Protein backbone atom coordinates (compact mmCIF):
# COMPACT_ATOMS: atom_id res chain seq x y z
CA MET A 1 78.64 54.91 112.57
CA ALA A 2 78.55 58.24 111.19
CA ALA A 3 80.35 61.01 113.48
CA ARG A 4 78.11 63.12 115.44
CA ALA A 5 79.39 66.57 116.63
CA LYS A 6 78.23 69.45 118.81
CA LEU A 7 80.07 72.76 118.18
CA TYR A 8 80.39 75.51 120.70
CA SER A 9 80.34 78.69 119.17
CA LEU A 10 79.97 82.70 119.03
CA SER A 11 77.98 83.70 116.43
CA LEU A 12 80.56 86.88 115.84
CA SER A 13 83.38 84.29 116.13
CA HIS A 14 85.24 83.91 112.83
CA PRO A 15 87.19 80.60 113.85
CA SER A 16 83.60 79.28 115.12
CA GLN A 17 82.31 79.92 111.46
CA ALA A 18 85.38 78.21 110.10
CA ALA A 19 84.84 75.12 112.14
CA ARG A 20 80.98 75.06 111.22
CA LEU A 21 81.98 75.60 107.55
CA MET A 22 84.44 72.55 107.81
CA LEU A 23 81.87 70.34 109.71
CA GLU A 24 79.32 71.15 106.62
CA ARG A 25 82.18 70.43 104.04
CA LYS A 26 82.58 66.95 105.77
CA ARG A 27 78.92 66.65 105.95
CA ILE A 28 78.93 65.76 109.49
CA GLU A 29 75.56 65.91 111.37
CA HIS A 30 76.19 68.57 114.18
CA GLU A 31 74.53 70.87 116.48
CA VAL A 32 75.70 74.49 117.02
CA VAL A 33 75.59 75.89 120.54
CA ASP A 34 75.83 79.62 120.37
CA LEU A 35 77.39 80.81 123.88
CA LEU A 36 76.66 84.28 125.40
CA PRO A 37 79.63 86.64 124.76
CA GLY A 38 81.53 87.55 127.70
CA PHE A 39 80.17 84.54 129.73
CA HIS A 40 81.50 81.85 127.09
CA PRO A 41 84.91 81.01 128.93
CA ALA A 42 82.73 79.84 132.07
CA LEU A 43 80.35 77.86 130.02
CA LEU A 44 82.99 76.26 128.06
CA ARG A 45 84.77 75.05 130.94
CA ALA A 46 81.34 73.91 132.29
CA ALA A 47 81.01 71.72 129.20
CA GLY A 48 84.12 69.95 129.87
CA PHE A 49 86.87 72.11 127.86
CA ARG A 50 90.10 73.02 129.29
CA GLY A 51 90.41 76.42 127.80
CA GLY A 52 87.96 79.47 127.58
CA THR A 53 88.01 80.21 123.70
CA VAL A 54 85.82 79.03 120.95
CA PRO A 55 85.42 77.04 118.82
CA GLY A 56 85.13 73.90 121.08
CA LEU A 57 83.93 70.84 119.27
CA LYS A 58 82.66 67.36 120.82
CA ILE A 59 82.84 64.68 118.30
CA ASP A 60 83.08 60.99 119.04
CA GLY A 61 83.82 61.30 122.60
CA ARG A 62 86.48 63.72 122.04
CA ARG A 63 86.73 67.39 122.74
CA VAL A 64 88.86 69.50 120.50
CA GLN A 65 89.55 73.38 120.96
CA GLY A 66 90.91 75.79 118.21
CA SER A 67 90.09 76.00 114.58
CA ARG A 68 93.45 74.53 113.30
CA GLU A 69 92.98 71.51 115.87
CA ILE A 70 89.64 70.88 114.74
CA SER A 71 90.53 70.71 111.04
CA ARG A 72 93.15 68.04 111.81
CA ALA A 73 90.63 66.23 114.00
CA LEU A 74 88.00 66.19 111.26
CA ASP A 75 90.37 65.04 108.59
CA GLU A 76 91.39 62.19 110.79
CA ILE A 77 87.87 61.19 111.65
CA GLN A 78 86.51 61.45 108.18
CA PRO A 79 89.13 61.87 105.57
CA GLU A 80 86.90 62.73 102.62
CA PRO A 81 86.73 65.26 101.36
CA SER A 82 90.11 66.32 102.69
CA LEU A 83 90.71 69.61 104.13
CA PHE A 84 94.24 69.56 103.10
CA GLY A 85 94.63 67.58 99.91
CA ALA A 86 96.17 64.27 99.06
CA ASP A 87 99.36 65.26 97.68
CA PRO A 88 102.13 66.19 100.12
CA GLU A 89 103.10 69.34 98.78
CA ARG A 90 99.57 70.41 98.34
CA GLU A 91 99.02 69.68 102.03
CA ARG A 92 102.20 71.42 102.99
CA THR A 93 101.18 74.80 101.45
CA VAL A 94 97.54 74.58 102.55
CA ALA A 95 99.03 73.94 106.01
CA GLU A 96 101.29 76.70 105.85
CA ALA A 97 98.55 79.18 104.76
CA GLU A 98 96.13 77.83 107.23
CA ARG A 99 98.83 78.58 110.11
CA TRP A 100 99.51 81.99 109.09
CA GLY A 101 95.67 82.81 108.78
CA GLU A 102 95.40 81.66 112.37
CA GLN A 103 98.54 83.25 113.92
CA VAL A 104 98.78 86.40 111.98
CA LEU A 105 95.69 87.31 110.20
CA GLN A 106 92.76 85.78 112.41
CA PRO A 107 93.67 88.01 115.57
CA VAL A 108 93.40 91.13 113.73
CA PRO A 109 89.49 91.75 113.43
CA ARG A 110 89.25 90.26 116.95
CA ARG A 111 91.42 93.08 118.35
CA ILE A 112 89.70 95.81 116.47
CA PHE A 113 86.22 94.49 117.37
CA ARG A 114 86.98 94.30 121.10
CA TRP A 115 88.99 97.83 121.05
CA GLY A 116 85.77 98.99 119.28
CA ALA A 117 83.47 97.35 122.24
CA ALA A 118 85.55 98.75 124.86
CA HIS A 119 85.35 102.40 123.50
CA SER A 120 82.10 102.35 121.93
CA PRO A 121 78.48 102.29 123.51
CA GLU A 122 76.85 102.04 120.00
CA LEU A 123 78.92 98.98 119.22
CA ARG A 124 77.79 97.35 122.50
CA ARG A 125 74.42 98.40 121.88
CA TRP A 126 74.36 96.66 118.47
CA ILE A 127 75.96 93.46 120.00
CA ALA A 128 73.16 93.45 122.55
CA ALA A 129 70.31 94.28 120.48
CA ASP A 130 71.14 93.08 116.78
CA VAL A 131 73.36 90.09 117.60
CA ILE A 132 71.93 88.64 121.08
CA GLY A 133 68.65 90.26 121.01
CA MET A 134 68.61 91.13 124.46
CA PRO A 135 66.10 93.59 126.22
CA ALA A 136 66.99 97.20 126.96
CA PRO A 137 70.05 96.92 124.82
CA ARG A 138 71.24 100.63 125.62
CA LEU A 139 71.16 99.79 129.68
CA MET A 140 72.92 96.48 128.79
CA ALA A 141 75.72 98.38 126.78
CA ALA A 142 76.46 100.49 129.88
CA ALA A 143 76.27 97.75 132.17
CA ASN A 144 78.39 95.61 130.01
CA ALA A 145 81.36 98.28 129.38
CA PRO A 146 83.50 96.66 132.02
CA ILE A 147 83.32 93.41 130.49
CA ALA A 148 84.03 94.85 127.13
CA ARG A 149 87.34 96.77 128.56
CA GLY A 150 88.40 93.36 130.28
CA LEU A 151 87.95 91.38 127.01
CA ALA A 152 90.01 94.15 125.19
CA ARG A 153 92.84 94.02 127.76
CA LYS A 154 93.11 90.38 127.85
CA ILE A 155 94.13 90.21 123.85
CA GLY A 156 96.14 93.27 124.02
CA ALA A 157 93.60 95.48 121.97
CA ASP A 158 94.86 98.88 123.05
CA ASP A 159 95.37 102.15 120.87
CA ALA A 160 98.61 101.52 119.52
CA THR A 161 98.16 97.85 118.55
CA VAL A 162 94.72 98.50 116.98
CA ARG A 163 95.99 101.45 114.90
CA ALA A 164 98.92 99.47 113.69
CA ASP A 165 96.63 96.44 112.90
CA VAL A 166 94.53 98.97 110.62
CA ALA A 167 97.78 100.43 108.94
CA ASN A 168 98.98 96.72 108.14
CA LEU A 169 95.87 95.68 106.63
CA PRO A 170 96.85 96.20 103.01
CA ALA A 171 99.82 94.09 103.31
CA LEU A 172 97.70 91.54 104.90
CA LEU A 173 95.10 91.56 102.22
CA ASP A 174 97.88 91.44 99.67
CA ARG A 175 99.08 88.29 101.24
CA VAL A 176 95.48 86.79 100.83
CA ASP A 177 95.34 88.03 97.27
CA GLY A 178 98.73 86.32 96.67
CA LEU A 179 97.44 82.83 98.07
CA ILE A 180 94.22 83.18 95.76
CA ALA A 181 96.51 83.94 92.59
CA ALA A 182 98.84 81.04 93.62
CA GLY A 183 95.86 78.64 93.84
CA THR A 184 96.58 77.86 97.37
CA ILE A 185 93.22 79.16 98.31
CA GLY A 186 90.00 80.14 96.14
CA THR A 187 90.14 77.33 93.79
CA GLY A 188 86.45 76.07 94.18
CA GLU A 189 87.44 73.21 96.25
CA PRO A 190 87.67 74.92 99.83
CA ASN A 191 90.37 73.63 102.01
CA ALA A 192 91.27 74.44 105.62
CA ALA A 193 92.94 77.60 104.75
CA ASP A 194 90.13 78.91 102.55
CA PHE A 195 87.70 78.47 105.72
CA GLN A 196 90.62 79.91 108.25
CA ILE A 197 91.43 82.99 106.02
CA ALA A 198 88.09 83.94 104.21
CA THR A 199 86.16 83.82 107.35
CA THR A 200 88.58 86.39 108.91
CA VAL A 201 88.32 88.59 105.83
CA ARG A 202 84.51 88.29 105.84
CA VAL A 203 84.46 90.01 109.35
CA LEU A 204 86.84 92.76 107.98
CA LEU A 205 84.13 93.29 105.39
CA ALA A 206 81.37 93.42 107.98
CA PHE A 207 82.88 96.57 109.59
CA GLU A 208 81.51 99.69 107.95
CA ASP A 209 84.98 101.33 108.74
CA LEU A 210 86.76 98.82 106.59
CA ARG A 211 84.30 97.55 104.04
CA THR A 212 85.46 99.75 101.06
CA PRO A 213 89.24 98.89 100.92
CA VAL A 214 88.44 95.04 101.26
CA GLU A 215 85.45 94.50 99.16
CA ALA A 216 87.05 95.16 95.66
CA ARG A 217 89.93 92.89 96.18
CA PRO A 218 89.97 89.10 95.18
CA ALA A 219 90.00 88.47 99.04
CA GLY A 220 86.87 90.21 99.46
CA GLU A 221 85.17 88.20 96.76
CA LEU A 222 86.49 84.98 98.30
CA ALA A 223 85.16 86.14 101.71
CA ARG A 224 81.66 86.37 100.70
CA ARG A 225 81.53 83.22 98.63
CA VAL A 226 82.74 81.46 101.36
CA LEU A 227 80.68 82.78 104.19
CA PRO A 228 77.86 84.73 102.45
CA SER A 229 76.03 85.66 105.70
CA TYR A 230 77.55 87.38 108.67
CA PRO A 231 76.13 89.58 111.48
CA GLU A 232 76.51 93.24 109.95
CA PRO A 233 76.98 96.01 109.44
CA ILE A 234 79.43 96.49 112.43
CA PRO A 235 78.91 100.08 113.37
CA ARG A 236 81.80 102.76 112.64
CA VAL A 237 84.29 102.83 115.81
CA LEU A 238 87.74 103.88 114.34
CA PRO A 239 89.22 107.35 114.25
CA SER A 240 89.17 108.90 110.74
CA GLU A 241 93.18 109.36 111.16
CA TRP A 242 93.67 105.69 111.71
CA LEU A 243 92.04 104.85 108.38
CA ALA A 244 94.17 107.15 106.27
CA PRO A 245 96.40 104.44 105.22
CA LEU A 246 93.65 102.46 103.78
CA GLN A 247 92.54 105.53 101.55
CA THR A 248 95.99 105.75 99.56
């Protein structure tokens, strides 16, 4: 019997987008359940997941949480097409790139976004109006300010950390471009590292503050190819002095 799946997601979550793309790559029939941002931890626990972060996947009676955990579960359940490659050396290099993408690159746009939501009523209004489609978005933006600040604190999205994230973006994007040049990702046969890394870069492209230094790179081209559509543009939120390292 073919696998059937239900993916618990947030539309703005790049790991959730990665998991969805992996399900599509495997041609596994699935339903996407988009949760309400801010309330998703409680909704996930109500659905039987232990943690409060997306993506969460129910498949063949199993519950799997986290994009890297999902990539391995999908290859176990349906080996072809492989998300890592049949050759052991290829599997190792893809897995190493995927791990770096999750542990180092993936948190960066998340911290920038949550810092922005905590500091910018306009970004919170955009989330309410353009992403969720809530009524009275300006009122919701004001009411949700404490939730946004709490979500930022939860992942350490403070001024110093986010400013350092922005300053380090060129080095991170150099690493992505290097992985493309080496043929680890971007070969036309998308693997787990493609989905992990390209979806993260796609979020960076969605930021009005960050699009210009990202889009001309090979990383930017790959991101648009892997994930053509993503909610955008994310309104400007970053101080101009923080962006100076990206303009050199």
